[in-house]
Amino acid sequence: MALYMYQVAYTPESWAAQLKNPQNRAETVGRTVCEAAGGKCVGAWYCFGEYDIVLIADMPNAESMAAVSLAVAAGGAAKAAKTTALMSGAEGVAAMTKAATVAKAYQPAR
């Protein structure tokens, strides 16, 4: 399983609907869509800034996370979304170690 951060910005129409019927959509939708794609919602929060919701998902693979993103986009309540693959500290160190080898083979354009 792999961790992803999924950020969503709601449309004004979606916010209007939520103000008429307030509920914790972050947890409900996060859990529902992640499970439908074969994964798990680690947590979901409302936030300030460019995005309105942030979701941390533990998904079997990139295709499963893409399915979540596509399904949410198709629903029409989001005006923007962003998915970021997350790595543990150990995975980050492994990537750095591998990058040292790859850097020897890389030749920048000159």
Protein backbone atom coordinates (compact mmCIF):
# COMPACT_ATOMS: atom_id res chain seq x y z
CA MET A 1 0.00 0.00 0.00
CA ALA A 2 1.12 3.56 -0.69
CA LEU A 3 0.25 6.85 0.99
CA TYR A 4 -1.16 9.81 -0.92
CA MET A 5 -2.21 13.31 0.05
CA TYR A 6 -5.31 14.39 -1.86
CA GLN A 7 -6.34 18.05 -1.71
CA VAL A 8 -9.68 19.34 -3.00
CA ALA A 9 -11.10 22.84 -3.51
CA TYR A 10 -14.91 22.99 -3.54
CA THR A 11 -16.99 24.95 -6.03
CA PRO A 12 -19.11 27.82 -4.65
CA GLU A 13 -22.21 25.73 -5.40
CA SER A 14 -20.87 22.88 -3.28
CA TRP A 15 -20.19 25.24 -0.39
CA ALA A 16 -23.72 26.66 -0.69
CA ALA A 17 -25.19 23.15 -0.50
CA GLN A 18 -23.04 22.32 2.54
CA LEU A 19 -24.11 25.51 4.32
CA LYS A 20 -27.74 24.47 3.88
CA ASN A 21 -27.01 21.02 5.33
CA PRO A 22 -23.78 21.11 7.41
CA GLN A 23 -22.05 17.75 7.83
CA ASN A 24 -18.52 16.38 8.02
CA ARG A 25 -18.06 15.55 4.34
CA ALA A 26 -14.29 15.25 4.80
CA GLU A 27 -14.50 12.07 6.86
CA THR A 28 -17.60 10.61 5.22
CA VAL A 29 -16.56 11.06 1.60
CA GLY A 30 -12.91 10.34 2.31
CA ARG A 31 -13.67 7.00 3.92
CA THR A 32 -16.29 6.02 1.32
CA VAL A 33 -14.24 6.75 -1.80
CA CYS A 34 -11.02 5.26 -0.45
CA GLU A 35 -12.74 2.02 0.55
CA ALA A 36 -14.56 1.83 -2.80
CA ALA A 37 -11.15 1.96 -4.53
CA GLY A 38 -9.70 -0.75 -2.27
CA GLY A 39 -7.86 1.54 0.13
CA LYS A 40 -8.23 3.24 3.46
CA CYS A 41 -8.72 6.84 4.54
CA VAL A 42 -6.03 7.53 7.15
CA GLY A 43 -7.57 10.91 7.94
CA ALA A 44 -9.35 13.88 6.40
CA TRP A 45 -9.43 17.51 7.45
CA TYR A 46 -10.94 20.83 6.42
CA CYS A 47 -8.27 23.46 5.88
CA PHE A 48 -7.66 27.10 4.95
CA GLY A 49 -5.90 28.25 1.82
CA GLU A 50 -5.93 27.12 -1.79
CA TYR A 51 -7.67 23.84 -0.93
CA ASP A 52 -10.64 23.19 1.36
CA ILE A 53 -10.09 19.52 2.22
CA VAL A 54 -6.96 17.43 2.70
CA LEU A 55 -7.16 13.65 2.75
CA ILE A 56 -4.42 11.16 3.54
CA ALA A 57 -5.17 7.85 1.82
CA ASP A 58 -3.45 4.47 2.04
CA MET A 59 -4.09 2.99 -1.40
CA PRO A 60 -2.99 -0.25 -3.09
CA ASN A 61 -1.48 1.55 -6.09
CA ALA A 62 -1.47 4.70 -8.23
CA GLU A 63 -4.39 3.47 -10.35
CA SER A 64 -6.59 3.19 -7.25
CA MET A 65 -5.71 6.73 -6.16
CA ALA A 66 -6.32 8.00 -9.68
CA ALA A 67 -9.75 6.34 -9.58
CA VAL A 68 -10.60 8.30 -6.41
CA SER A 69 -9.47 11.55 -8.01
CA LEU A 70 -11.38 10.89 -11.24
CA ALA A 71 -14.57 9.90 -9.41
CA VAL A 72 -14.49 13.04 -7.27
CA ALA A 73 -13.80 15.23 -10.32
CA ALA A 74 -16.67 13.63 -12.23
CA GLY A 75 -19.03 14.44 -9.35
CA GLY A 76 -18.77 18.16 -10.09
CA ALA A 77 -18.36 19.43 -6.50
CA ALA A 78 -14.63 20.12 -6.86
CA LYS A 79 -13.19 23.06 -8.80
CA ALA A 80 -9.59 21.85 -8.32
CA ALA A 81 -7.73 18.89 -6.87
CA LYS A 82 -4.15 17.83 -6.34
CA THR A 83 -2.69 14.40 -5.54
CA THR A 84 0.76 14.00 -3.99
CA ALA A 85 2.49 10.65 -3.46
CA LEU A 86 4.01 10.48 0.03
CA MET A 87 7.19 8.67 1.10
CA SER A 88 8.39 7.63 4.52
CA GLY A 89 11.76 8.89 5.74
CA ALA A 90 13.29 5.51 4.87
CA GLU A 91 11.88 5.69 1.33
CA GLY A 92 13.24 9.22 0.96
CA VAL A 93 16.73 8.09 2.03
CA ALA A 94 16.53 5.13 -0.38
CA ALA A 95 15.59 7.56 -3.18
CA MET A 96 18.54 9.79 -2.32
CA THR A 97 20.89 6.80 -2.33
CA LYS A 98 19.56 5.68 -5.71
CA ALA A 99 19.78 9.25 -7.04
CA ALA A 100 23.51 9.25 -6.42
CA THR A 101 23.84 6.32 -8.84
CA VAL A 102 21.43 7.82 -11.37
CA ALA A 103 23.26 11.18 -11.22
CA LYS A 104 26.42 9.47 -12.53
CA ALA A 105 24.51 8.38 -15.65
CA TYR A 106 22.69 11.70 -16.19
CA GLN A 107 24.15 14.18 -18.65
CA PRO A 108 22.45 17.61 -18.60
CA ALA A 109 21.93 19.43 -21.88
CA ARG A 110 24.66 21.94 -22.65
